[in-house]
Amino acid sequence: LSFKGADSFKKMFANASNIEVKNVGEYTSVKFTWNDEKFQAFYDKDGALSVTSRNIEFNRLPLPAITKISEKYADYKAVEVVELNSTEDGLGYYIALENNEKRVIVKSDTFGSVSVFKSEKK
């Protein structure tokens, strides 16, 4: 591996496999598998880790988030859940929900606060 931050990546994610490195603007994106889960990490131009993300199951969200989303979006189905850990904003979640007419992406935090990030008709 040769990118700024590669040494800290190797230490933090020892035994990572299927590593793909790509430049995305001012960041370096690293997609990889670690402990049988797929992750993506972003390193800034100085090689510092900025964000990690992974897909998770809906039932792995914090209970307050599950409750609020299940009540407010009862007629929707969760089609993708991304856990995002940012050095700036901490841990957060993006949940893509769909029904026959709409696709909504909501953002949630560890306390269960839920807000619409994006909404579109199918």
PDB file of N, CA and C in Angstrom:
ATOM      1  N   LEU A   1       0.838  -1.193   0.000  1.00  0.00           N
ATOM      2  CA  LEU A   1       0.000   0.000   0.000  1.00  0.00           C
ATOM      3  C   LEU A   1       0.873   1.243   0.000  1.00  0.00           C
ATOM      4  N   SER A   2       0.541   2.165  -0.873  1.00  0.00           N
ATOM      5  CA  SER A   2       1.304   3.407  -0.872  1.00  0.00           C
ATOM      6  C   SER A   2       0.359   4.604  -1.013  1.00  0.00           C
ATOM      7  N   PHE A   3      -0.037   5.138   0.113  1.00  0.00           N
ATOM      8  CA  PHE A   3      -0.787   6.387   0.178  1.00  0.00           C
ATOM      9  C   PHE A   3      -0.506   6.977   1.544  1.00  0.00           C
ATOM     10  N   LYS A   4      -0.698   8.290   1.663  1.00  0.00           N
ATOM     11  CA  LYS A   4      -0.484   8.925   2.962  1.00  0.00           C
ATOM     12  C   LYS A   4      -1.509   8.357   3.934  1.00  0.00           C
ATOM     13  N   GLY A   5      -1.057   7.783   5.016  1.00  0.00           N
ATOM     14  CA  GLY A   5      -1.959   7.151   5.971  1.00  0.00           C
ATOM     15  C   GLY A   5      -1.903   5.635   5.899  1.00  0.00           C
ATOM     16  N   ALA A   6      -1.122   5.094   4.964  1.00  0.00           N
ATOM     17  CA  ALA A   6      -1.056   3.639   4.786  1.00  0.00           C
ATOM     18  C   ALA A   6      -0.551   2.933   6.039  1.00  0.00           C
ATOM     19  N   ASP A   7       0.429   3.519   6.720  1.00  0.00           N
ATOM     20  CA  ASP A   7       0.959   2.881   7.934  1.00  0.00           C
ATOM     21  C   ASP A   7      -0.109   2.788   9.021  1.00  0.00           C
ATOM     22  N   SER A   8      -0.864   3.873   9.224  1.00  0.00           N
ATOM     23  CA  SER A   8      -1.910   3.820  10.260  1.00  0.00           C
ATOM     24  C   SER A   8      -3.033   2.881   9.828  1.00  0.00           C
ATOM     25  N   PHE A   9      -3.326   2.816   8.520  1.00  0.00           N
ATOM     26  CA  PHE A   9      -4.329   1.878   8.027  1.00  0.00           C
ATOM     27  C   PHE A   9      -3.922   0.447   8.366  1.00  0.00           C
ATOM     28  N   LYS A  10      -2.669   0.098   8.095  1.00  0.00           N
ATOM     29  CA  LYS A  10      -2.175  -1.264   8.350  1.00  0.00           C
ATOM     30  C   LYS A  10      -2.256  -1.612   9.833  1.00  0.00           C
ATOM     31  N   LYS A  11      -1.971  -0.633  10.693  1.00  0.00           N
ATOM     32  CA  LYS A  11      -2.041  -0.885  12.143  1.00  0.00           C
ATOM     33  C   LYS A  11      -3.494  -1.031  12.609  1.00  0.00           C
ATOM     34  N   MET A  12      -4.359  -0.131  12.149  1.00  0.00           N
ATOM     35  CA  MET A  12      -5.741  -0.126  12.606  1.00  0.00           C
ATOM     36  C   MET A  12      -6.542  -1.301  12.048  1.00  0.00           C
ATOM     37  N   PHE A  13      -6.288  -1.647  10.800  1.00  0.00           N
ATOM     38  CA  PHE A  13      -7.064  -2.693  10.136  1.00  0.00           C
ATOM     39  C   PHE A  13      -6.153  -3.858   9.728  1.00  0.00           C
ATOM     40  N   ALA A  14      -5.398  -4.363  10.684  1.00  0.00           N
ATOM     41  CA  ALA A  14      -4.515  -5.498  10.418  1.00  0.00           C
ATOM     42  C   ALA A  14      -5.360  -6.640   9.849  1.00  0.00           C
ATOM     43  N   ASN A  15      -4.795  -7.371   8.941  1.00  0.00           N
ATOM     44  CA  ASN A  15      -5.465  -8.504   8.279  1.00  0.00           C
ATOM     45  C   ASN A  15      -6.586  -8.087   7.334  1.00  0.00           C
ATOM     46  N   ALA A  16      -6.651  -6.816   6.952  1.00  0.00           N
ATOM     47  CA  ALA A  16      -7.640  -6.394   5.960  1.00  0.00           C
ATOM     48  C   ALA A  16      -7.304  -7.052   4.629  1.00  0.00           C
ATOM     49  N   SER A  17      -8.350  -7.347   3.853  1.00  0.00           N
ATOM     50  CA  SER A  17      -8.138  -7.962   2.544  1.00  0.00           C
ATOM     51  C   SER A  17      -8.974  -7.234   1.495  1.00  0.00           C
ATOM     52  N   ASN A  18      -8.825  -7.630   0.247  1.00  0.00           N
ATOM     53  CA  ASN A  18      -9.571  -7.022  -0.871  1.00  0.00           C
ATOM     54  C   ASN A  18      -9.468  -5.501  -0.843  1.00  0.00           C
ATOM     55  N   ILE A  19      -8.268  -4.995  -0.659  1.00  0.00           N
ATOM     56  CA  ILE A  19      -8.042  -3.559  -0.492  1.00  0.00           C
ATOM     57  C   ILE A  19      -8.003  -2.860  -1.854  1.00  0.00           C
ATOM     58  N   GLU A  20      -8.835  -1.830  -1.997  1.00  0.00           N
ATOM     59  CA  GLU A  20      -8.863  -0.993  -3.208  1.00  0.00           C
ATOM     60  C   GLU A  20      -8.654   0.455  -2.786  1.00  0.00           C
ATOM     61  N   VAL A  21      -7.631   1.096  -3.356  1.00  0.00           N
ATOM     62  CA  VAL A  21      -7.309   2.483  -3.017  1.00  0.00           C
ATOM     63  C   VAL A  21      -7.593   3.369  -4.231  1.00  0.00           C
ATOM     64  N   LYS A  22      -8.255   4.508  -3.968  1.00  0.00           N
ATOM     65  CA  LYS A  22      -8.612   5.414  -5.058  1.00  0.00           C
ATOM     66  C   LYS A  22      -8.610   6.842  -4.526  1.00  0.00           C
ATOM     67  N   ASN A  23      -8.135   7.778  -5.324  1.00  0.00           N
ATOM     68  CA  ASN A  23      -8.197   9.194  -4.955  1.00  0.00           C
ATOM     69  C   ASN A  23      -9.562   9.750  -5.305  1.00  0.00           C
ATOM     70  N   VAL A  24     -10.163  10.446  -4.335  1.00  0.00           N
ATOM     71  CA  VAL A  24     -11.478  11.072  -4.523  1.00  0.00           C
ATOM     72  C   VAL A  24     -11.345  12.516  -4.054  1.00  0.00           C
ATOM     73  N   GLY A  25     -11.126  13.419  -4.985  1.00  0.00           N
ATOM     74  CA  GLY A  25     -10.917  14.819  -4.612  1.00  0.00           C
ATOM     75  C   GLY A  25      -9.678  14.947  -3.748  1.00  0.00           C
ATOM     76  N   GLU A  26      -9.843  15.570  -2.588  1.00  0.00           N
ATOM     77  CA  GLU A  26      -8.715  15.748  -1.665  1.00  0.00           C
ATOM     78  C   GLU A  26      -8.532  14.561  -0.727  1.00  0.00           C
ATOM     79  N   TYR A  27      -9.325  13.515  -0.905  1.00  0.00           N
ATOM     80  CA  TYR A  27      -9.283  12.363  -0.015  1.00  0.00           C
ATOM     81  C   TYR A  27      -8.793  11.118  -0.741  1.00  0.00           C
ATOM     82  N   THR A  28      -8.319  10.176   0.049  1.00  0.00           N
ATOM     83  CA  THR A  28      -7.995   8.854  -0.454  1.00  0.00           C
ATOM     84  C   THR A  28      -9.041   7.906   0.103  1.00  0.00           C
ATOM     85  N   SER A  29      -9.729   7.204  -0.795  1.00  0.00           N
ATOM     86  CA  SER A  29     -10.745   6.232  -0.412  1.00  0.00           C
ATOM     87  C   SER A  29     -10.104   4.852  -0.391  1.00  0.00           C
ATOM     88  N   VAL A  30     -10.358   4.118   0.679  1.00  0.00           N
ATOM     89  CA  VAL A  30      -9.844   2.760   0.792  1.00  0.00           C
ATOM     90  C   VAL A  30     -11.026   1.842   1.081  1.00  0.00           C
ATOM     91  N   LYS A  31     -11.369   0.984   0.114  1.00  0.00           N
ATOM     92  CA  LYS A  31     -12.401  -0.033   0.317  1.00  0.00           C
ATOM     93  C   LYS A  31     -11.687  -1.319   0.682  1.00  0.00           C
ATOM     94  N   PHE A  32     -12.249  -2.040   1.675  1.00  0.00           N
ATOM     95  CA  PHE A  32     -11.576  -3.249   2.134  1.00  0.00           C
ATOM     96  C   PHE A  32     -12.531  -4.145   2.910  1.00  0.00           C
ATOM     97  N   THR A  33     -12.109  -5.369   3.111  1.00  0.00           N
ATOM     98  CA  THR A  33     -12.840  -6.323   3.945  1.00  0.00           C
ATOM     99  C   THR A  33     -12.014  -6.540   5.200  1.00  0.00           C
ATOM    100  N   TRP A  34     -12.684  -6.503   6.335  1.00  0.00           N
ATOM    101  CA  TRP A  34     -12.010  -6.687   7.623  1.00  0.00           C
ATOM    102  C   TRP A  34     -12.974  -7.405   8.545  1.00  0.00           C
ATOM    103  N   ASN A  35     -12.526  -8.474   9.158  1.00  0.00           N
ATOM    104  CA  ASN A  35     -13.387  -9.289  10.033  1.00  0.00           C
ATOM    105  C   ASN A  35     -14.688  -9.679   9.321  1.00  0.00           C
ATOM    106  N   ASP A  36     -14.577 -10.082   8.063  1.00  0.00           N
ATOM    107  CA  ASP A  36     -15.704 -10.536   7.243  1.00  0.00           C
ATOM    108  C   ASP A  36     -16.759  -9.465   6.966  1.00  0.00           C
ATOM    109  N   GLU A  37     -16.408  -8.192   7.120  1.00  0.00           N
ATOM    110  CA  GLU A  37     -17.326  -7.096   6.794  1.00  0.00           C
ATOM    111  C   GLU A  37     -16.643  -6.157   5.817  1.00  0.00           C
ATOM    112  N   LYS A  38     -17.441  -5.565   4.916  1.00  0.00           N
ATOM    113  CA  LYS A  38     -16.911  -4.603   3.953  1.00  0.00           C
ATOM    114  C   LYS A  38     -16.959  -3.206   4.547  1.00  0.00           C
ATOM    115  N   PHE A  39     -15.840  -2.499   4.430  1.00  0.00           N
ATOM    116  CA  PHE A  39     -15.708  -1.143   4.952  1.00  0.00           C
ATOM    117  C   PHE A  39     -15.211  -0.214   3.864  1.00  0.00           C
ATOM    118  N   GLN A  40     -15.354   1.078   4.126  1.00  0.00           N
ATOM    119  CA  GLN A  40     -14.714   2.092   3.320  1.00  0.00           C
ATOM    120  C   GLN A  40     -14.172   3.134   4.287  1.00  0.00           C
ATOM    121  N   ALA A  41     -12.926   3.547   4.059  1.00  0.00           N
ATOM    122  CA  ALA A  41     -12.304   4.566   4.902  1.00  0.00           C
ATOM    123  C   ALA A  41     -11.826   5.706   4.013  1.00  0.00           C
ATOM    124  N   PHE A  42     -11.875   6.913   4.542  1.00  0.00           N
ATOM    125  CA  PHE A  42     -11.389   8.082   3.817  1.00  0.00           C
ATOM    126  C   PHE A  42     -10.281   8.739   4.643  1.00  0.00           C
ATOM    127  N   TYR A  43      -9.159   8.978   3.979  1.00  0.00           N
ATOM    128  CA  TYR A  43      -8.011   9.637   4.590  1.00  0.00           C
ATOM    129  C   TYR A  43      -7.841  11.001   3.939  1.00  0.00           C
ATOM    130  N   ASP A  44      -7.526  12.022   4.760  1.00  0.00           N
ATOM    131  CA  ASP A  44      -7.335  13.358   4.195  1.00  0.00           C
ATOM    132  C   ASP A  44      -5.949  13.475   3.569  1.00  0.00           C
ATOM    133  N   LYS A  45      -5.650  14.647   3.027  1.00  0.00           N
ATOM    134  CA  LYS A  45      -4.394  14.837   2.291  1.00  0.00           C
ATOM    135  C   LYS A  45      -3.162  14.685   3.169  1.00  0.00           C
ATOM    136  N   ASP A  46      -3.343  14.808   4.504  1.00  0.00           N
ATOM    137  CA  ASP A  46      -2.225  14.632   5.431  1.00  0.00           C
ATOM    138  C   ASP A  46      -2.105  13.188   5.913  1.00  0.00           C
ATOM    139  N   GLY A  47      -3.012  12.316   5.459  1.00  0.00           N
ATOM    140  CA  GLY A  47      -2.961  10.908   5.847  1.00  0.00           C
ATOM    141  C   GLY A  47      -3.717  10.584   7.119  1.00  0.00           C
ATOM    142  N   ALA A  48      -4.537  11.531   7.595  1.00  0.00           N
ATOM    143  CA  ALA A  48      -5.330  11.289   8.811  1.00  0.00           C
ATOM    144  C   ALA A  48      -6.670  10.655   8.432  1.00  0.00           C
ATOM    145  N   LEU A  49      -7.093   9.675   9.199  1.00  0.00           N
ATOM    146  CA  LEU A  49      -8.386   9.034   8.975  1.00  0.00           C
ATOM    147  C   LEU A  49      -9.505  10.020   9.279  1.00  0.00           C
ATOM    148  N   SER A  50     -10.408  10.237   8.317  1.00  0.00           N
ATOM    149  CA  SER A  50     -11.520  11.173   8.494  1.00  0.00           C
ATOM    150  C   SER A  50     -12.835  10.466   8.744  1.00  0.00           C
ATOM    151  N   VAL A  51     -13.111   9.408   7.953  1.00  0.00           N
ATOM    152  CA  VAL A  51     -14.404   8.733   8.004  1.00  0.00           C
ATOM    153  C   VAL A  51     -14.223   7.249   7.722  1.00  0.00           C
ATOM    154  N   THR A  52     -14.988   6.426   8.444  1.00  0.00           N
ATOM    155  CA  THR A  52     -15.125   5.023   8.069  1.00  0.00           C
ATOM    156  C   THR A  52     -16.614   4.745   7.913  1.00  0.00           C
ATOM    157  N   SER A  53     -16.934   3.832   7.013  1.00  0.00           N
ATOM    158  CA  SER A  53     -18.340   3.462   6.837  1.00  0.00           C
ATOM    159  C   SER A  53     -18.443   1.978   6.549  1.00  0.00           C
ATOM    160  N   ARG A  54     -19.621   1.449   6.867  1.00  0.00           N
ATOM    161  CA  ARG A  54     -19.926   0.051   6.549  1.00  0.00           C
ATOM    162  C   ARG A  54     -21.438  -0.097   6.482  1.00  0.00           C
ATOM    163  N   ASN A  55     -21.882  -1.054   5.706  1.00  0.00           N
ATOM    164  CA  ASN A  55     -23.304  -1.374   5.663  1.00  0.00           C
ATOM    165  C   ASN A  55     -23.626  -2.278   6.843  1.00  0.00           C
ATOM    166  N   ILE A  56     -24.767  -2.028   7.468  1.00  0.00           N
ATOM    167  CA  ILE A  56     -25.211  -2.856   8.588  1.00  0.00           C
ATOM    168  C   ILE A  56     -26.674  -3.234   8.367  1.00  0.00           C
ATOM    169  N   GLU A  57     -27.160  -4.159   9.148  1.00  0.00           N
ATOM    170  CA  GLU A  57     -28.568  -4.549   9.108  1.00  0.00           C
ATOM    171  C   GLU A  57     -29.394  -3.525   9.887  1.00  0.00           C
ATOM    172  N   PHE A  58     -30.637  -3.328   9.480  1.00  0.00           N
ATOM    173  CA  PHE A  58     -31.535  -2.380  10.139  1.00  0.00           C
ATOM    174  C   PHE A  58     -31.635  -2.645  11.642  1.00  0.00           C
ATOM    175  N   ASN A  59     -31.676  -3.928  12.023  1.00  0.00           N
ATOM    176  CA  ASN A  59     -31.835  -4.269  13.446  1.00  0.00           C
ATOM    177  C   ASN A  59     -30.580  -3.994  14.276  1.00  0.00           C
ATOM    178  N   ARG A  60     -29.493  -3.539  13.642  1.00  0.00           N
ATOM    179  CA  ARG A  60     -28.284  -3.154  14.388  1.00  0.00           C
ATOM    180  C   ARG A  60     -28.227  -1.653  14.679  1.00  0.00           C
ATOM    181  N   LEU A  61     -29.260  -0.930  14.241  1.00  0.00           N
ATOM    182  CA  LEU A  61     -29.349   0.490  14.589  1.00  0.00           C
ATOM    183  C   LEU A  61     -29.633   0.621  16.084  1.00  0.00           C
ATOM    184  N   PRO A  62     -29.342   1.785  16.672  1.00  0.00           N
ATOM    185  CA  PRO A  62     -29.732   2.004  18.073  1.00  0.00           C
ATOM    186  C   PRO A  62     -31.248   1.876  18.212  1.00  0.00           C
ATOM    187  N   LEU A  63     -31.702   1.299  19.309  1.00  0.00           N
ATOM    188  CA  LEU A  63     -33.115   1.053  19.542  1.00  0.00           C
ATOM    189  C   LEU A  63     -33.989   2.293  19.358  1.00  0.00           C
ATOM    190  N   PRO A  64     -33.595   3.475  19.866  1.00  0.00           N
ATOM    191  CA  PRO A  64     -34.449   4.654  19.650  1.00  0.00           C
ATOM    192  C   PRO A  64     -34.640   4.972  18.158  1.00  0.00           C
ATOM    193  N   ALA A  65     -33.619   4.739  17.350  1.00  0.00           N
ATOM    194  CA  ALA A  65     -33.730   4.992  15.905  1.00  0.00           C
ATOM    195  C   ALA A  65     -34.674   3.982  15.257  1.00  0.00           C
ATOM    196  N   ILE A  66     -34.537   2.722  15.627  1.00  0.00           N
ATOM    197  CA  ILE A  66     -35.420   1.683  15.086  1.00  0.00           C
ATOM    198  C   ILE A  66     -36.881   2.029  15.401  1.00  0.00           C
ATOM    199  N   THR A  67     -37.135   2.418  16.638  1.00  0.00           N
ATOM    200  CA  THR A  67     -38.494   2.737  17.072  1.00  0.00           C
ATOM    201  C   THR A  67     -39.073   3.908  16.278  1.00  0.00           C
ATOM    202  N   LYS A  68     -38.308   5.020  16.183  1.00  0.00           N
ATOM    203  CA  LYS A  68     -38.814   6.202  15.485  1.00  0.00           C
ATOM    204  C   LYS A  68     -39.017   5.940  14.001  1.00  0.00           C
ATOM    205  N   ILE A  69     -38.071   5.265  13.368  1.00  0.00           N
ATOM    206  CA  ILE A  69     -38.182   4.989  11.934  1.00  0.00           C
ATOM    207  C   ILE A  69     -39.349   4.036  11.671  1.00  0.00           C
ATOM    208  N   SER A  70     -39.474   3.014  12.497  1.00  0.00           N
ATOM    209  CA  SER A  70     -40.565   2.043  12.317  1.00  0.00           C
ATOM    210  C   SER A  70     -41.934   2.689  12.475  1.00  0.00           C
ATOM    211  N   GLU A  71     -42.050   3.667  13.381  1.00  0.00           N
ATOM    212  CA  GLU A  71     -43.324   4.366  13.577  1.00  0.00           C
ATOM    213  C   GLU A  71     -43.598   5.352  12.448  1.00  0.00           C
ATOM    214  N   LYS A  72     -42.615   6.181  12.138  1.00  0.00           N
ATOM    215  CA  LYS A  72     -42.810   7.252  11.161  1.00  0.00           C
ATOM    216  C   LYS A  72     -42.875   6.730   9.724  1.00  0.00           C
ATOM    217  N   TYR A  73     -42.188   5.649   9.436  1.00  0.00           N
ATOM    218  CA  TYR A  73     -42.120   5.110   8.077  1.00  0.00           C
ATOM    219  C   TYR A  73     -42.633   3.670   8.038  1.00  0.00           C
ATOM    220  N   ALA A  74     -43.788   3.463   8.656  1.00  0.00           N
ATOM    221  CA  ALA A  74     -44.358   2.112   8.776  1.00  0.00           C
ATOM    222  C   ALA A  74     -44.625   1.463   7.422  1.00  0.00           C
ATOM    223  N   ASP A  75     -44.943   2.266   6.418  1.00  0.00           N
ATOM    224  CA  ASP A  75     -45.246   1.689   5.103  1.00  0.00           C
ATOM    225  C   ASP A  75     -44.030   1.661   4.171  1.00  0.00           C
ATOM    226  N   TYR A  76     -42.841   1.812   4.741  1.00  0.00           N
ATOM    227  CA  TYR A  76     -41.594   1.753   3.980  1.00  0.00           C
ATOM    228  C   TYR A  76     -40.791   0.532   4.396  1.00  0.00           C
ATOM    229  N   LYS A  77     -39.898   0.125   3.511  1.00  0.00           N
ATOM    230  CA  LYS A  77     -38.979  -0.976   3.813  1.00  0.00           C
ATOM    231  C   LYS A  77     -37.551  -0.441   3.752  1.00  0.00           C
ATOM    232  N   ALA A  78     -36.743  -0.790   4.741  1.00  0.00           N
ATOM    233  CA  ALA A  78     -35.332  -0.384   4.732  1.00  0.00           C
ATOM    234  C   ALA A  78     -34.597  -1.224   3.690  1.00  0.00           C
ATOM    235  N   VAL A  79     -33.952  -0.545   2.726  1.00  0.00           N
ATOM    236  CA  VAL A  79     -33.236  -1.258   1.671  1.00  0.00           C
ATOM    237  C   VAL A  79     -31.719  -1.155   1.812  1.00  0.00           C
ATOM    238  N   GLU A  80     -31.260  -0.169   2.585  1.00  0.00           N
ATOM    239  CA  GLU A  80     -29.825  -0.044   2.848  1.00  0.00           C
ATOM    240  C   GLU A  80     -29.627   0.777   4.107  1.00  0.00           C
ATOM    241  N   VAL A  81     -28.672   0.345   4.939  1.00  0.00           N
ATOM    242  CA  VAL A  81     -28.328   1.072   6.164  1.00  0.00           C
ATOM    243  C   VAL A  81     -26.817   1.211   6.206  1.00  0.00           C
ATOM    244  N   VAL A  82     -26.341   2.452   6.294  1.00  0.00           N
ATOM    245  CA  VAL A  82     -24.906   2.717   6.341  1.00  0.00           C
ATOM    246  C   VAL A  82     -24.568   3.354   7.681  1.00  0.00           C
ATOM    247  N   GLU A  83     -23.597   2.760   8.359  1.00  0.00           N
ATOM    248  CA  GLU A  83     -23.074   3.324   9.603  1.00  0.00           C
ATOM    249  C   GLU A  83     -21.852   4.151   9.231  1.00  0.00           C
ATOM    250  N   LEU A  84     -21.835   5.393   9.644  1.00  0.00           N
ATOM    251  CA  LEU A  84     -20.768   6.320   9.291  1.00  0.00           C
ATOM    252  C   LEU A  84     -20.118   6.834  10.563  1.00  0.00           C
ATOM    253  N   ASN A  85     -18.810   6.667  10.675  1.00  0.00           N
ATOM    254  CA  ASN A  85     -18.089   7.148  11.849  1.00  0.00           C
ATOM    255  C   ASN A  85     -17.110   8.212  11.384  1.00  0.00           C
ATOM    256  N   SER A  86     -17.385   9.450  11.771  1.00  0.00           N
ATOM    257  CA  SER A  86     -16.596  10.594  11.325  1.00  0.00           C
ATOM    258  C   SER A  86     -15.822  11.193  12.496  1.00  0.00           C
ATOM    259  N   THR A  87     -14.577  11.612  12.231  1.00  0.00           N
ATOM    260  CA  THR A  87     -13.796  12.247  13.293  1.00  0.00           C
ATOM    261  C   THR A  87     -14.415  13.586  13.680  1.00  0.00           C
ATOM    262  N   GLU A  88     -15.160  14.224  12.752  1.00  0.00           N
ATOM    263  CA  GLU A  88     -15.809  15.505  13.046  1.00  0.00           C
ATOM    264  C   GLU A  88     -17.154  15.343  13.732  1.00  0.00           C
ATOM    265  N   ASP A  89     -17.994  14.446  13.194  1.00  0.00           N
ATOM    266  CA  ASP A  89     -19.380  14.348  13.658  1.00  0.00           C
ATOM    267  C   ASP A  89     -19.693  13.120  14.500  1.00  0.00           C
ATOM    268  N   GLY A  90     -18.744  12.225  14.674  1.00  0.00           N
ATOM    269  CA  GLY A  90     -18.993  11.018  15.450  1.00  0.00           C
ATOM    270  C   GLY A  90     -19.772   9.984  14.658  1.00  0.00           C
ATOM    271  N   LEU A  91     -20.505   9.154  15.368  1.00  0.00           N
ATOM    272  CA  LEU A  91     -21.229   8.037  14.771  1.00  0.00           C
ATOM    273  C   LEU A  91     -22.609   8.472  14.294  1.00  0.00           C
ATOM    274  N   GLY A  92     -22.936   8.108  13.060  1.00  0.00           N
ATOM    275  CA  GLY A  92     -24.246   8.422  12.502  1.00  0.00           C
ATOM    276  C   GLY A  92     -24.675   7.334  11.544  1.00  0.00           C
ATOM    277  N   TYR A  93     -25.908   7.406  11.123  1.00  0.00           N
ATOM    278  CA  TYR A  93     -26.477   6.369  10.265  1.00  0.00           C
ATOM    279  C   TYR A  93     -27.286   7.009   9.145  1.00  0.00           C
ATOM    280  N   TYR A  94     -27.207   6.424   7.962  1.00  0.00           N
ATOM    281  CA  TYR A  94     -28.036   6.814   6.823  1.00  0.00           C
ATOM    282  C   TYR A  94     -28.853   5.595   6.426  1.00  0.00           C
ATOM    283  N   ILE A  95     -30.166   5.759   6.390  1.00  0.00           N
ATOM    284  CA  ILE A  95     -31.065   4.634   6.137  1.00  0.00           C
ATOM    285  C   ILE A  95     -31.896   4.947   4.892  1.00  0.00           C
ATOM    286  N   ALA A  96     -31.763   4.100   3.875  1.00  0.00           N
ATOM    287  CA  ALA A  96     -32.561   4.246   2.658  1.00  0.00           C
ATOM    288  C   ALA A  96     -33.834   3.425   2.826  1.00  0.00           C
ATOM    289  N   LEU A  97     -34.973   4.100   2.676  1.00  0.00           N
ATOM    290  CA  LEU A  97     -36.283   3.474   2.841  1.00  0.00           C
ATOM    291  C   LEU A  97     -37.073   3.631   1.546  1.00  0.00           C
ATOM    292  N   GLU A  98     -37.823   2.591   1.197  1.00  0.00           N
ATOM    293  CA  GLU A  98     -38.624   2.661  -0.027  1.00  0.00           C
ATOM    294  C   GLU A  98     -40.020   2.101   0.200  1.00  0.00           C
ATOM    295  N   ASN A  99     -40.967   2.694  -0.522  1.00  0.00           N
ATOM    296  CA  ASN A  99     -42.280   2.080  -0.667  1.00  0.00           C
ATOM    297  C   ASN A  99     -42.594   2.115  -2.166  1.00  0.00           C
ATOM    298  N   ASN A 100     -43.816   1.863  -2.550  1.00  0.00           N
ATOM    299  CA  ASN A 100     -44.149   1.803  -3.977  1.00  0.00           C
ATOM    300  C   ASN A 100     -43.987   3.136  -4.698  1.00  0.00           C
ATOM    301  N   GLU A 101     -44.061   4.239  -3.951  1.00  0.00           N
ATOM    302  CA  GLU A 101     -44.049   5.559  -4.577  1.00  0.00           C
ATOM    303  C   GLU A 101     -42.792   6.379  -4.336  1.00  0.00           C
ATOM    304  N   LYS A 102     -42.134   6.177  -3.200  1.00  0.00           N
ATOM    305  CA  LYS A 102     -41.036   7.059  -2.820  1.00  0.00           C
ATOM    306  C   LYS A 102     -39.816   6.303  -2.318  1.00  0.00           C
ATOM    307  N   ARG A 103     -38.696   7.000  -2.410  1.00  0.00           N
ATOM    308  CA  ARG A 103     -37.449   6.557  -1.782  1.00  0.00           C
ATOM    309  C   ARG A 103     -37.015   7.709  -0.880  1.00  0.00           C
ATOM    310  N   VAL A 104     -36.806   7.404   0.382  1.00  0.00           N
ATOM    311  CA  VAL A 104     -36.403   8.410   1.363  1.00  0.00           C
ATOM    312  C   VAL A 104     -35.120   7.939   2.026  1.00  0.00           C
ATOM    313  N   ILE A 105     -34.174   8.866   2.151  1.00  0.00           N
ATOM    314  CA  ILE A 105     -32.967   8.567   2.920  1.00  0.00           C
ATOM    315  C   ILE A 105     -33.027   9.432   4.163  1.00  0.00           C
ATOM    316  N   VAL A 106     -33.024   8.782   5.308  1.00  0.00           N
ATOM    317  CA  VAL A 106     -33.048   9.509   6.580  1.00  0.00           C
ATOM    318  C   VAL A 106     -31.705   9.361   7.272  1.00  0.00           C
ATOM    319  N   LYS A 107     -31.406  10.361   8.072  1.00  0.00           N
ATOM    320  CA  LYS A 107     -30.174  10.363   8.856  1.00  0.00           C
ATOM    321  C   LYS A 107     -30.573  10.201  10.314  1.00  0.00           C
ATOM    322  N   SER A 108     -29.801   9.405  11.039  1.00  0.00           N
ATOM    323  CA  SER A 108     -30.077   9.210  12.457  1.00  0.00           C
ATOM    324  C   SER A 108     -28.763   9.244  13.230  1.00  0.00           C
ATOM    325  N   ASP A 109     -28.871   9.474  14.532  1.00  0.00           N
ATOM    326  CA  ASP A 109     -27.688   9.427  15.387  1.00  0.00           C
ATOM    327  C   ASP A 109     -27.874   8.344  16.442  1.00  0.00           C
ATOM    328  N   THR A 110     -26.939   8.242  17.337  1.00  0.00           N
ATOM    329  CA  THR A 110     -26.996   7.185  18.348  1.00  0.00           C
ATOM    330  C   THR A 110     -28.130   7.394  19.347  1.00  0.00           C
ATOM    331  N   PHE A 111     -28.699   8.615  19.395  1.00  0.00           N
ATOM    332  CA  PHE A 111     -29.788   8.903  20.324  1.00  0.00           C
ATOM    333  C   PHE A 111     -31.163   8.702  19.687  1.00  0.00           C
ATOM    334  N   GLY A 112     -31.182   8.403  18.394  1.00  0.00           N
ATOM    335  CA  GLY A 112     -32.449   8.139  17.728  1.00  0.00           C
ATOM    336  C   GLY A 112     -33.076   9.332  17.053  1.00  0.00           C
ATOM    337  N   SER A 113     -32.377  10.455  17.006  1.00  0.00           N
ATOM    338  CA  SER A 113     -32.888  11.606  16.265  1.00  0.00           C
ATOM    339  C   SER A 113     -32.938  11.224  14.787  1.00  0.00           C
ATOM    340  N   VAL A 114     -34.059  11.504  14.117  1.00  0.00           N
ATOM    341  CA  VAL A 114     -34.231  11.114  12.722  1.00  0.00           C
ATOM    342  C   VAL A 114     -34.633  12.327  11.905  1.00  0.00           C
ATOM    343  N   SER A 115     -33.929  12.572  10.798  1.00  0.00           N
ATOM    344  CA  SER A 115     -34.272  13.667   9.898  1.00  0.00           C
ATOM    345  C   SER A 115     -34.122  13.209   8.459  1.00  0.00           C
ATOM    346  N   VAL A 116     -34.878  13.831   7.564  1.00  0.00           N
ATOM    347  CA  VAL A 116     -34.816  13.468   6.152  1.00  0.00           C
ATOM    348  C   VAL A 116     -33.551  14.074   5.549  1.00  0.00           C
ATOM    349  N   PHE A 117     -32.749  13.226   4.936  1.00  0.00           N
ATOM    350  CA  PHE A 117     -31.541  13.654   4.245  1.00  0.00           C
ATOM    351  C   PHE A 117     -31.865  13.915   2.782  1.00  0.00           C
ATOM    352  N   LYS A 118     -32.684  13.021   2.188  1.00  0.00           N
ATOM    353  CA  LYS A 118     -33.049  13.130   0.770  1.00  0.00           C
ATOM    354  C   LYS A 118     -34.359  12.387   0.545  1.00  0.00           C
ATOM    355  N   SER A 119     -35.204  12.932  -0.317  1.00  0.00           N
ATOM    356  CA  SER A 119     -36.469  12.287  -0.631  1.00  0.00           C
ATOM    357  C   SER A 119     -36.721  12.424  -2.122  1.00  0.00           C
ATOM    358  N   GLU A 120     -37.169  11.341  -2.766  1.00  0.00           N
ATOM    359  CA  GLU A 120     -37.441  11.394  -4.197  1.00  0.00           C
ATOM    360  C   GLU A 120     -38.528  10.398  -4.580  1.00  0.00           C
ATOM    361  N   LYS A 121     -39.280  10.745  -5.626  1.00  0.00           N
ATOM    362  CA  LYS A 121     -40.285   9.830  -6.147  1.00  0.00           C
ATOM    363  C   LYS A 121     -39.579   8.771  -6.970  1.00  0.00           C
ATOM    364  N   LYS A 122     -40.150   7.579  -6.973  1.00  0.00           N
ATOM    365  CA  LYS A 122     -39.567   6.472  -7.749  1.00  0.00           C
ATOM    366  C   LYS A 122     -39.870   6.606  -9.224  1.00  0.00           C
TER     367      LYS A 122
END
